[in-house]
Amino acid sequence: MANNVLAEQYSSQIRPRLMKERGYRNALQVPRLVKIVVNSGVSTAQEREVLQEAQDTIGVITGQRPVITKARKSISNFKLREGMAVGVCTTLRGRRMYNFLYRLVNVVLPRVRDFRGVSPKAFDGSGNYSLGLADQSVFTEIDLDKIKHTIGMNICIVTTAKTDDEARALLAAMGMPFRS
């Protein structure tokens, strides 16, 4: 794995700059990353092969083995029963979190076709940011010859920011390419 370029940059440059710009008196007031959750739903829950491929793909992308998520309740219109496997999810913290965000910002997002930046409106009101990717082929870790099914994913970046404005400033300082 790569060294923690983003973690070191946060400690040495981003935190002091945010303290100065936003008028924080204490370094612990400055927003920081808590975790990144990578989630992928599988539309055809009956096919074990698709679920296994999603688990392998998310595992390769994040560097840790994802957990299989199960349906909480039955929905007959979707042919879904309680307890059926419906997706995979993994939570990144610490070193893996910073490495994943660094790769996402500097390698993956520029590879997305017709990319003009991520939406600055995708915050939840509490300082957390979510974005979705339509397929996994933009990640360099994936071998395109072995892909049978396209797997999309949701990426949720959880911060300690109190407002969306604070979180936007933090992520912009970390290199997130927001659309203007």
N, C-alpha and C. Protein backbone atom coordinates (compact mmCIF):
# COMPACT_ATOMS: atom_id res chain seq x y z
N MET A 1 0.84 -1.19 0.00
CA MET A 1 0.00 0.00 0.00
C MET A 1 0.88 1.25 0.00
N ALA A 2 0.28 2.30 -0.52
CA ALA A 2 1.01 3.56 -0.59
C ALA A 2 1.15 4.17 0.80
N ASN A 3 2.10 5.03 0.92
CA ASN A 3 2.27 5.70 2.21
C ASN A 3 1.11 6.68 2.44
N ASN A 4 0.96 7.14 3.63
CA ASN A 4 -0.16 8.01 3.99
C ASN A 4 0.11 9.45 3.61
N VAL A 5 0.14 9.72 2.34
CA VAL A 5 0.40 11.07 1.84
C VAL A 5 -0.68 12.02 2.33
N LEU A 6 -1.94 11.61 2.20
CA LEU A 6 -3.05 12.49 2.57
C LEU A 6 -3.13 12.71 4.08
N ALA A 7 -2.85 11.67 4.87
CA ALA A 7 -2.88 11.81 6.33
C ALA A 7 -1.81 12.78 6.80
N GLU A 8 -0.61 12.67 6.23
CA GLU A 8 0.48 13.58 6.60
C GLU A 8 0.17 15.00 6.13
N GLN A 9 -0.42 15.12 4.95
CA GLN A 9 -0.78 16.44 4.41
C GLN A 9 -1.85 17.09 5.28
N TYR A 10 -2.80 16.29 5.79
CA TYR A 10 -3.84 16.82 6.66
C TYR A 10 -3.22 17.39 7.94
N SER A 11 -2.31 16.62 8.55
CA SER A 11 -1.69 17.05 9.81
C SER A 11 -0.81 18.28 9.64
N SER A 12 -0.03 18.30 8.57
CA SER A 12 0.96 19.37 8.43
C SER A 12 0.45 20.61 7.72
N GLN A 13 -0.49 20.47 6.76
CA GLN A 13 -0.91 21.62 5.97
C GLN A 13 -2.39 21.96 6.10
N ILE A 14 -3.25 20.96 5.94
CA ILE A 14 -4.69 21.22 5.86
C ILE A 14 -5.25 21.70 7.20
N ARG A 15 -4.95 21.00 8.29
CA ARG A 15 -5.47 21.40 9.60
C ARG A 15 -5.03 22.81 9.99
N PRO A 16 -3.73 23.17 9.89
CA PRO A 16 -3.35 24.55 10.23
C PRO A 16 -4.02 25.60 9.34
N ARG A 17 -4.17 25.28 8.05
CA ARG A 17 -4.80 26.23 7.14
C ARG A 17 -6.28 26.43 7.49
N LEU A 18 -7.00 25.34 7.80
CA LEU A 18 -8.41 25.45 8.18
C LEU A 18 -8.56 26.20 9.51
N MET A 19 -7.63 25.98 10.44
CA MET A 19 -7.68 26.70 11.72
C MET A 19 -7.58 28.20 11.48
N LYS A 20 -6.67 28.58 10.59
CA LYS A 20 -6.45 30.00 10.32
C LYS A 20 -7.63 30.61 9.56
N GLU A 21 -8.11 29.91 8.51
CA GLU A 21 -9.19 30.43 7.67
C GLU A 21 -10.52 30.52 8.41
N ARG A 22 -10.85 29.51 9.20
CA ARG A 22 -12.16 29.43 9.81
C ARG A 22 -12.18 29.89 11.27
N GLY A 23 -11.02 30.27 11.81
CA GLY A 23 -10.96 30.85 13.14
C GLY A 23 -11.13 29.86 14.28
N TYR A 24 -10.71 28.62 14.10
CA TYR A 24 -10.77 27.65 15.19
C TYR A 24 -9.67 27.97 16.19
N ARG A 25 -9.96 27.83 17.46
CA ARG A 25 -8.96 28.11 18.49
C ARG A 25 -8.19 26.87 18.90
N ASN A 26 -8.79 25.71 18.70
CA ASN A 26 -8.21 24.45 19.13
C ASN A 26 -8.10 23.52 17.92
N ALA A 27 -7.03 22.76 17.83
CA ALA A 27 -6.84 21.84 16.70
C ALA A 27 -7.91 20.75 16.67
N LEU A 28 -8.50 20.44 17.82
CA LEU A 28 -9.54 19.41 17.86
C LEU A 28 -10.88 19.91 17.33
N GLN A 29 -11.04 21.21 17.16
CA GLN A 29 -12.27 21.76 16.57
C GLN A 29 -12.29 21.60 15.05
N VAL A 30 -11.14 21.44 14.44
CA VAL A 30 -11.05 21.33 12.99
C VAL A 30 -11.69 20.01 12.55
N PRO A 31 -12.57 20.05 11.54
CA PRO A 31 -13.20 18.82 11.05
C PRO A 31 -12.15 17.84 10.54
N ARG A 32 -12.42 16.56 10.71
CA ARG A 32 -11.54 15.51 10.20
C ARG A 32 -12.38 14.35 9.69
N LEU A 33 -11.74 13.46 8.97
CA LEU A 33 -12.43 12.28 8.47
C LEU A 33 -12.61 11.27 9.59
N VAL A 34 -13.77 10.62 9.65
CA VAL A 34 -14.02 9.57 10.62
C VAL A 34 -13.92 8.21 9.95
N LYS A 35 -14.67 8.05 8.84
CA LYS A 35 -14.68 6.78 8.12
C LYS A 35 -15.20 6.99 6.72
N ILE A 36 -14.95 6.02 5.86
CA ILE A 36 -15.51 5.98 4.51
C ILE A 36 -16.20 4.63 4.37
N VAL A 37 -17.47 4.67 4.00
CA VAL A 37 -18.26 3.45 3.82
C VAL A 37 -18.46 3.23 2.32
N VAL A 38 -18.05 2.06 1.84
CA VAL A 38 -18.25 1.69 0.44
C VAL A 38 -19.29 0.59 0.41
N ASN A 39 -20.40 0.86 -0.30
CA ASN A 39 -21.55 -0.03 -0.30
C ASN A 39 -21.94 -0.35 -1.74
N SER A 40 -22.30 -1.59 -2.01
CA SER A 40 -22.74 -1.97 -3.34
C SER A 40 -23.94 -2.90 -3.22
N GLY A 41 -25.03 -2.53 -3.84
CA GLY A 41 -26.22 -3.37 -3.86
C GLY A 41 -26.20 -4.26 -5.08
N VAL A 42 -26.70 -5.47 -4.92
CA VAL A 42 -26.75 -6.42 -6.03
C VAL A 42 -28.21 -6.59 -6.40
N SER A 43 -28.54 -6.30 -7.67
CA SER A 43 -29.94 -6.32 -8.09
C SER A 43 -30.51 -7.73 -8.15
N THR A 44 -29.72 -8.68 -8.58
CA THR A 44 -30.22 -10.06 -8.67
C THR A 44 -29.68 -10.85 -7.49
N ALA A 45 -30.47 -10.88 -6.44
CA ALA A 45 -30.02 -11.55 -5.22
C ALA A 45 -29.98 -13.07 -5.38
N GLN A 46 -30.72 -13.60 -6.38
CA GLN A 46 -30.75 -15.05 -6.57
C GLN A 46 -29.40 -15.58 -7.07
N GLU A 47 -28.68 -14.76 -7.84
CA GLU A 47 -27.43 -15.24 -8.41
C GLU A 47 -26.28 -15.09 -7.42
N ARG A 48 -25.81 -16.18 -6.93
CA ARG A 48 -24.70 -16.20 -5.97
C ARG A 48 -23.41 -15.68 -6.61
N GLU A 49 -23.27 -15.94 -7.92
CA GLU A 49 -22.08 -15.55 -8.66
C GLU A 49 -21.91 -14.02 -8.67
N VAL A 50 -23.01 -13.28 -8.87
CA VAL A 50 -22.95 -11.82 -8.90
C VAL A 50 -22.55 -11.27 -7.54
N LEU A 51 -23.12 -11.84 -6.48
CA LEU A 51 -22.79 -11.42 -5.13
C LEU A 51 -21.32 -11.68 -4.81
N GLN A 52 -20.83 -12.85 -5.22
CA GLN A 52 -19.43 -13.19 -4.97
C GLN A 52 -18.50 -12.25 -5.75
N GLU A 53 -18.87 -11.93 -6.99
CA GLU A 53 -18.05 -11.01 -7.79
C GLU A 53 -18.05 -9.61 -7.17
N ALA A 54 -19.20 -9.17 -6.66
CA ALA A 54 -19.28 -7.87 -5.99
C ALA A 54 -18.39 -7.86 -4.75
N GLN A 55 -18.42 -8.94 -3.99
CA GLN A 55 -17.60 -9.03 -2.78
C GLN A 55 -16.11 -9.00 -3.14
N ASP A 56 -15.72 -9.74 -4.17
CA ASP A 56 -14.32 -9.76 -4.59
C ASP A 56 -13.87 -8.39 -5.11
N THR A 57 -14.75 -7.74 -5.90
CA THR A 57 -14.41 -6.44 -6.48
C THR A 57 -14.23 -5.38 -5.41
N ILE A 58 -15.18 -5.27 -4.49
CA ILE A 58 -15.09 -4.28 -3.42
C ILE A 58 -13.87 -4.59 -2.54
N GLY A 59 -13.59 -5.86 -2.33
CA GLY A 59 -12.41 -6.26 -1.55
C GLY A 59 -11.12 -5.81 -2.19
N VAL A 60 -11.01 -5.95 -3.51
CA VAL A 60 -9.81 -5.54 -4.22
C VAL A 60 -9.67 -4.02 -4.19
N ILE A 61 -10.79 -3.31 -4.38
CA ILE A 61 -10.76 -1.86 -4.44
C ILE A 61 -10.39 -1.24 -3.08
N THR A 62 -10.97 -1.77 -2.00
CA THR A 62 -10.77 -1.16 -0.69
C THR A 62 -9.60 -1.73 0.08
N GLY A 63 -9.19 -2.95 -0.22
CA GLY A 63 -8.09 -3.56 0.50
C GLY A 63 -8.52 -4.29 1.76
N GLN A 64 -9.83 -4.45 1.96
CA GLN A 64 -10.31 -5.25 3.08
C GLN A 64 -11.58 -5.97 2.66
N ARG A 65 -11.84 -7.09 3.31
CA ARG A 65 -12.95 -7.96 2.92
C ARG A 65 -14.28 -7.36 3.34
N PRO A 66 -15.22 -7.20 2.39
CA PRO A 66 -16.52 -6.62 2.73
C PRO A 66 -17.46 -7.63 3.38
N VAL A 67 -18.46 -7.10 4.08
CA VAL A 67 -19.49 -7.90 4.75
C VAL A 67 -20.68 -8.00 3.80
N ILE A 68 -21.32 -9.14 3.77
CA ILE A 68 -22.54 -9.31 2.97
C ILE A 68 -23.71 -8.74 3.75
N THR A 69 -24.46 -7.82 3.11
CA THR A 69 -25.64 -7.23 3.77
C THR A 69 -26.87 -8.03 3.39
N LYS A 70 -27.80 -8.13 4.33
CA LYS A 70 -29.00 -8.94 4.13
C LYS A 70 -30.24 -8.05 4.23
N ALA A 71 -31.31 -8.48 3.57
CA ALA A 71 -32.57 -7.73 3.59
C ALA A 71 -33.18 -7.77 4.99
N ARG A 72 -33.69 -6.63 5.45
CA ARG A 72 -34.28 -6.55 6.79
C ARG A 72 -35.72 -7.03 6.81
N LYS A 73 -36.42 -6.84 5.68
CA LYS A 73 -37.80 -7.33 5.64
C LYS A 73 -38.15 -7.81 4.24
N SER A 74 -39.19 -8.59 4.16
CA SER A 74 -39.63 -9.16 2.89
C SER A 74 -40.43 -8.15 2.10
N ILE A 75 -40.19 -8.09 0.77
CA ILE A 75 -40.98 -7.26 -0.14
C ILE A 75 -41.34 -8.14 -1.33
N SER A 76 -42.62 -8.51 -1.41
CA SER A 76 -43.04 -9.48 -2.42
C SER A 76 -42.91 -8.94 -3.84
N ASN A 77 -43.12 -7.65 -4.06
CA ASN A 77 -43.01 -7.08 -5.40
C ASN A 77 -41.59 -7.20 -5.96
N PHE A 78 -40.60 -7.21 -5.10
CA PHE A 78 -39.21 -7.35 -5.54
C PHE A 78 -38.71 -8.78 -5.41
N LYS A 79 -39.60 -9.72 -5.06
CA LYS A 79 -39.23 -11.12 -4.83
C LYS A 79 -38.10 -11.21 -3.81
N LEU A 80 -38.27 -10.47 -2.74
CA LEU A 80 -37.24 -10.35 -1.72
C LEU A 80 -37.75 -10.92 -0.41
N ARG A 81 -36.97 -11.77 0.19
CA ARG A 81 -37.33 -12.37 1.47
C ARG A 81 -36.39 -11.85 2.56
N GLU A 82 -36.89 -11.79 3.76
CA GLU A 82 -36.08 -11.35 4.89
C GLU A 82 -34.88 -12.27 5.06
N GLY A 83 -33.70 -11.67 5.17
CA GLY A 83 -32.48 -12.45 5.37
C GLY A 83 -31.75 -12.79 4.09
N MET A 84 -32.32 -12.46 2.92
CA MET A 84 -31.62 -12.73 1.65
C MET A 84 -30.45 -11.76 1.50
N ALA A 85 -29.37 -12.22 0.90
CA ALA A 85 -28.21 -11.37 0.63
C ALA A 85 -28.55 -10.38 -0.47
N VAL A 86 -28.36 -9.08 -0.22
CA VAL A 86 -28.73 -8.06 -1.20
C VAL A 86 -27.56 -7.15 -1.58
N GLY A 87 -26.41 -7.28 -0.96
CA GLY A 87 -25.29 -6.42 -1.30
C GLY A 87 -24.08 -6.67 -0.43
N VAL A 88 -23.08 -5.84 -0.62
CA VAL A 88 -21.85 -5.92 0.19
C VAL A 88 -21.48 -4.51 0.67
N CYS A 89 -20.83 -4.46 1.82
CA CYS A 89 -20.49 -3.19 2.44
C CYS A 89 -19.18 -3.32 3.21
N THR A 90 -18.37 -2.28 3.15
CA THR A 90 -17.16 -2.26 3.95
C THR A 90 -16.94 -0.85 4.51
N THR A 91 -16.39 -0.78 5.70
CA THR A 91 -16.11 0.49 6.36
C THR A 91 -14.60 0.65 6.50
N LEU A 92 -14.07 1.74 5.97
CA LEU A 92 -12.64 2.01 6.02
C LEU A 92 -12.36 3.06 7.07
N ARG A 93 -11.34 2.83 7.87
CA ARG A 93 -10.90 3.79 8.88
C ARG A 93 -9.38 3.87 8.85
N GLY A 94 -8.86 4.93 9.42
CA GLY A 94 -7.41 5.06 9.58
C GLY A 94 -6.64 5.11 8.28
N ARG A 95 -5.57 4.33 8.22
CA ARG A 95 -4.65 4.32 7.09
C ARG A 95 -5.35 3.95 5.78
N ARG A 96 -6.19 2.92 5.81
CA ARG A 96 -6.90 2.50 4.59
C ARG A 96 -7.86 3.57 4.10
N MET A 97 -8.49 4.29 5.02
CA MET A 97 -9.42 5.36 4.66
C MET A 97 -8.68 6.46 3.89
N TYR A 98 -7.56 6.92 4.42
CA TYR A 98 -6.80 7.98 3.76
C TYR A 98 -6.25 7.51 2.41
N ASN A 99 -5.77 6.27 2.33
CA ASN A 99 -5.27 5.74 1.06
C ASN A 99 -6.37 5.67 0.02
N PHE A 100 -7.57 5.20 0.44
CA PHE A 100 -8.68 5.09 -0.49
C PHE A 100 -9.10 6.47 -0.99
N LEU A 101 -9.22 7.46 -0.11
CA LEU A 101 -9.62 8.79 -0.52
C LEU A 101 -8.59 9.42 -1.46
N TYR A 102 -7.32 9.20 -1.17
CA TYR A 102 -6.26 9.72 -2.04
C TYR A 102 -6.38 9.13 -3.45
N ARG A 103 -6.58 7.80 -3.53
CA ARG A 103 -6.73 7.15 -4.84
C ARG A 103 -8.01 7.60 -5.54
N LEU A 104 -9.08 7.77 -4.76
CA LEU A 104 -10.36 8.21 -5.34
C LEU A 104 -10.23 9.58 -5.98
N VAL A 105 -9.61 10.52 -5.27
CA VAL A 105 -9.50 11.90 -5.75
C VAL A 105 -8.50 12.03 -6.89
N ASN A 106 -7.35 11.37 -6.78
CA ASN A 106 -6.27 11.59 -7.73
C ASN A 106 -6.22 10.62 -8.90
N VAL A 107 -6.83 9.43 -8.77
CA VAL A 107 -6.73 8.44 -9.83
C VAL A 107 -8.10 8.11 -10.42
N VAL A 108 -9.06 7.78 -9.58
CA VAL A 108 -10.34 7.24 -10.03
C VAL A 108 -11.23 8.30 -10.66
N LEU A 109 -11.50 9.39 -9.95
CA LEU A 109 -12.43 10.40 -10.47
C LEU A 109 -11.96 11.03 -11.80
N PRO A 110 -10.67 11.29 -11.99
CA PRO A 110 -10.25 11.80 -13.30
C PRO A 110 -10.46 10.80 -14.44
N ARG A 111 -10.58 9.51 -14.13
CA ARG A 111 -10.79 8.49 -15.16
C ARG A 111 -12.25 8.33 -15.55
N VAL A 112 -13.17 8.94 -14.80
CA VAL A 112 -14.59 8.84 -15.12
C VAL A 112 -14.85 9.61 -16.41
N ARG A 113 -15.61 8.99 -17.31
CA ARG A 113 -15.89 9.60 -18.61
C ARG A 113 -16.72 10.88 -18.43
N ASP A 114 -16.39 11.91 -19.17
CA ASP A 114 -17.07 13.22 -19.13
C ASP A 114 -17.14 13.78 -17.72
N PHE A 115 -16.07 13.66 -16.98
CA PHE A 115 -16.06 14.11 -15.58
C PHE A 115 -15.83 15.62 -15.51
N ARG A 116 -16.73 16.32 -14.84
CA ARG A 116 -16.60 17.77 -14.69
C ARG A 116 -16.56 18.16 -13.22
N GLY A 117 -16.39 17.21 -12.35
CA GLY A 117 -16.36 17.47 -10.91
C GLY A 117 -17.54 16.79 -10.23
N VAL A 118 -17.43 16.62 -8.92
CA VAL A 118 -18.51 16.01 -8.15
C VAL A 118 -19.47 17.10 -7.69
N SER A 119 -20.69 16.72 -7.43
CA SER A 119 -21.72 17.68 -7.04
C SER A 119 -21.42 18.28 -5.67
N PRO A 120 -21.48 19.60 -5.54
CA PRO A 120 -21.26 20.22 -4.23
C PRO A 120 -22.50 20.17 -3.35
N LYS A 121 -23.59 19.58 -3.84
CA LYS A 121 -24.85 19.54 -3.10
C LYS A 121 -25.13 18.18 -2.46
N ALA A 122 -24.24 17.22 -2.57
CA ALA A 122 -24.49 15.87 -2.10
C ALA A 122 -24.16 15.67 -0.62
N PHE A 123 -24.32 16.72 0.18
CA PHE A 123 -24.10 16.62 1.62
C PHE A 123 -25.43 16.33 2.29
N ASP A 124 -25.39 15.73 3.48
CA ASP A 124 -26.62 15.31 4.15
C ASP A 124 -27.13 16.29 5.20
N GLY A 125 -26.48 17.42 5.38
CA GLY A 125 -26.91 18.39 6.39
C GLY A 125 -26.12 18.28 7.68
N SER A 126 -25.39 17.18 7.85
CA SER A 126 -24.59 16.97 9.06
C SER A 126 -23.10 16.87 8.76
N GLY A 127 -22.69 17.26 7.56
CA GLY A 127 -21.28 17.26 7.22
C GLY A 127 -20.76 15.96 6.63
N ASN A 128 -21.65 15.09 6.15
CA ASN A 128 -21.23 13.85 5.51
C ASN A 128 -21.51 13.95 4.02
N TYR A 129 -20.64 13.36 3.20
CA TYR A 129 -20.75 13.48 1.74
C TYR A 129 -20.91 12.10 1.12
N SER A 130 -21.83 11.99 0.16
CA SER A 130 -22.07 10.72 -0.53
C SER A 130 -21.95 10.92 -2.03
N LEU A 131 -21.37 9.93 -2.69
CA LEU A 131 -21.33 9.94 -4.14
C LEU A 131 -21.45 8.52 -4.65
N GLY A 132 -21.93 8.38 -5.86
CA GLY A 132 -22.11 7.07 -6.46
C GLY A 132 -21.29 6.93 -7.72
N LEU A 133 -20.81 5.73 -7.96
CA LEU A 133 -20.10 5.42 -9.19
C LEU A 133 -20.88 4.35 -9.93
N ALA A 134 -21.08 4.52 -11.23
CA ALA A 134 -21.92 3.60 -12.01
C ALA A 134 -21.26 2.25 -12.24
N ASP A 135 -19.95 2.23 -12.41
CA ASP A 135 -19.29 0.93 -12.58
C ASP A 135 -17.90 0.94 -11.97
N GLN A 136 -17.35 -0.27 -11.84
CA GLN A 136 -16.08 -0.43 -11.13
C GLN A 136 -14.88 -0.34 -12.05
N SER A 137 -15.08 -0.16 -13.35
CA SER A 137 -13.97 -0.20 -14.29
C SER A 137 -13.03 1.01 -14.18
N VAL A 138 -13.44 2.08 -13.48
CA VAL A 138 -12.57 3.26 -13.34
C VAL A 138 -11.46 3.03 -12.32
N PHE A 139 -11.57 1.99 -11.51
CA PHE A 139 -10.51 1.67 -10.54
C PHE A 139 -9.40 0.91 -11.24
N THR A 140 -8.15 1.33 -11.01
CA THR A 140 -7.01 0.71 -11.68
C THR A 140 -6.72 -0.69 -11.16
N GLU A 141 -7.22 -1.03 -9.96
CA GLU A 141 -6.95 -2.35 -9.37
C GLU A 141 -7.73 -3.46 -10.06
N ILE A 142 -8.78 -3.11 -10.79
CA ILE A 142 -9.67 -4.09 -11.40
C ILE A 142 -9.11 -4.55 -12.74
N ASP A 143 -9.08 -5.88 -12.94
CA ASP A 143 -8.68 -6.45 -14.22
C ASP A 143 -9.93 -6.52 -15.11
N LEU A 144 -9.96 -5.70 -16.14
CA LEU A 144 -11.15 -5.58 -16.99
C LEU A 144 -11.50 -6.87 -17.73
N ASP A 145 -10.52 -7.74 -17.96
CA ASP A 145 -10.78 -9.00 -18.67
C ASP A 145 -11.59 -9.98 -17.83
N LYS A 146 -11.51 -9.85 -16.51
CA LYS A 146 -12.20 -10.80 -15.63
C LYS A 146 -13.60 -10.34 -15.22
N ILE A 147 -14.00 -9.12 -15.63
CA ILE A 147 -15.31 -8.59 -15.24
C ILE A 147 -16.41 -9.24 -16.07
N LYS A 148 -17.41 -9.80 -15.39
CA LYS A 148 -18.59 -10.36 -16.07
C LYS A 148 -19.80 -9.46 -15.86
N HIS A 149 -19.90 -8.83 -14.68
CA HIS A 149 -21.04 -7.99 -14.35
C HIS A 149 -20.56 -6.61 -13.93
N THR A 150 -21.33 -5.60 -14.33
CA THR A 150 -21.01 -4.23 -13.92
C THR A 150 -21.57 -4.02 -12.52
N ILE A 151 -20.73 -3.52 -11.64
CA ILE A 151 -21.13 -3.33 -10.25
C ILE A 151 -20.94 -1.86 -9.90
N GLY A 152 -22.02 -1.18 -9.56
CA GLY A 152 -21.94 0.20 -9.11
C GLY A 152 -21.71 0.23 -7.61
N MET A 153 -21.40 1.41 -7.10
CA MET A 153 -21.16 1.49 -5.66
C MET A 153 -21.47 2.89 -5.15
N ASN A 154 -21.82 2.96 -3.88
CA ASN A 154 -22.04 4.22 -3.19
C ASN A 154 -20.88 4.41 -2.22
N ILE A 155 -20.34 5.62 -2.18
CA ILE A 155 -19.24 5.93 -1.29
C ILE A 155 -19.70 7.06 -0.38
N CYS A 156 -19.68 6.82 0.93
CA CYS A 156 -20.11 7.81 1.90
C CYS A 156 -18.90 8.21 2.75
N ILE A 157 -18.59 9.51 2.75
CA ILE A 157 -17.46 10.03 3.50
C ILE A 157 -18.01 10.71 4.75
N VAL A 158 -17.70 10.15 5.91
CA VAL A 158 -18.21 10.66 7.18
C VAL A 158 -17.14 11.52 7.84
N THR A 159 -17.53 12.75 8.23
CA THR A 159 -16.60 13.69 8.86
C THR A 159 -17.14 14.13 10.22
N THR A 160 -16.30 14.83 10.97
CA THR A 160 -16.74 15.38 12.26
C THR A 160 -17.29 16.79 12.11
N ALA A 161 -17.43 17.27 10.87
CA ALA A 161 -17.91 18.62 10.63
C ALA A 161 -19.35 18.77 11.12
N LYS A 162 -19.65 19.94 11.67
CA LYS A 162 -21.00 20.22 12.16
C LYS A 162 -21.94 20.66 11.04
N THR A 163 -21.40 21.33 10.03
CA THR A 163 -22.21 21.83 8.93
C THR A 163 -21.65 21.35 7.59
N ASP A 164 -22.49 21.47 6.56
CA ASP A 164 -22.05 21.09 5.22
C ASP A 164 -20.93 22.00 4.72
N ASP A 165 -20.98 23.25 5.10
CA ASP A 165 -19.96 24.22 4.67
C ASP A 165 -18.58 23.83 5.21
N GLU A 166 -18.52 23.42 6.49
CA GLU A 166 -17.25 22.98 7.08
C GLU A 166 -16.74 21.73 6.36
N ALA A 167 -17.64 20.78 6.08
CA ALA A 167 -17.24 19.54 5.41
C ALA A 167 -16.78 19.83 3.99
N ARG A 168 -17.44 20.74 3.30
CA ARG A 168 -17.05 21.11 1.94
C ARG A 168 -15.65 21.71 1.94
N ALA A 169 -15.35 22.57 2.92
CA ALA A 169 -14.02 23.17 3.03
C ALA A 169 -12.96 22.10 3.29
N LEU A 170 -13.28 21.14 4.16
CA LEU A 170 -12.34 20.05 4.47
C LEU A 170 -12.05 19.21 3.23
N LEU A 171 -13.12 18.76 2.54
CA LEU A 171 -12.93 17.89 1.38
C LEU A 171 -12.26 18.64 0.22
N ALA A 172 -12.59 19.92 0.05
CA ALA A 172 -11.93 20.71 -1.00
C ALA A 172 -10.44 20.84 -0.70
N ALA A 173 -10.08 21.02 0.57
CA ALA A 173 -8.68 21.12 0.96
C ALA A 173 -7.95 19.79 0.73
N MET A 174 -8.69 18.69 0.82
CA MET A 174 -8.09 17.36 0.59
C MET A 174 -8.04 17.01 -0.89
N GLY A 175 -8.55 17.91 -1.75
CA GLY A 175 -8.41 17.71 -3.19
C GLY A 175 -9.67 17.23 -3.87
N MET A 176 -10.80 17.15 -3.20
CA MET A 176 -12.03 16.71 -3.84
C MET A 176 -12.42 17.72 -4.93
N PRO A 177 -12.57 17.28 -6.17
CA PRO A 177 -12.85 18.21 -7.27
C PRO A 177 -14.34 18.55 -7.38
N PHE A 178 -14.77 19.58 -6.66
CA PHE A 178 -16.18 19.99 -6.68
C PHE A 178 -16.47 20.77 -7.96
N ARG A 179 -17.66 20.54 -8.51
CA ARG A 179 -18.13 21.28 -9.66
C ARG A 179 -18.48 22.70 -9.23
N SER A 180 -18.20 23.68 -10.06
CA SER A 180 -18.51 25.06 -9.64
C SER A 180 -19.81 25.55 -10.23
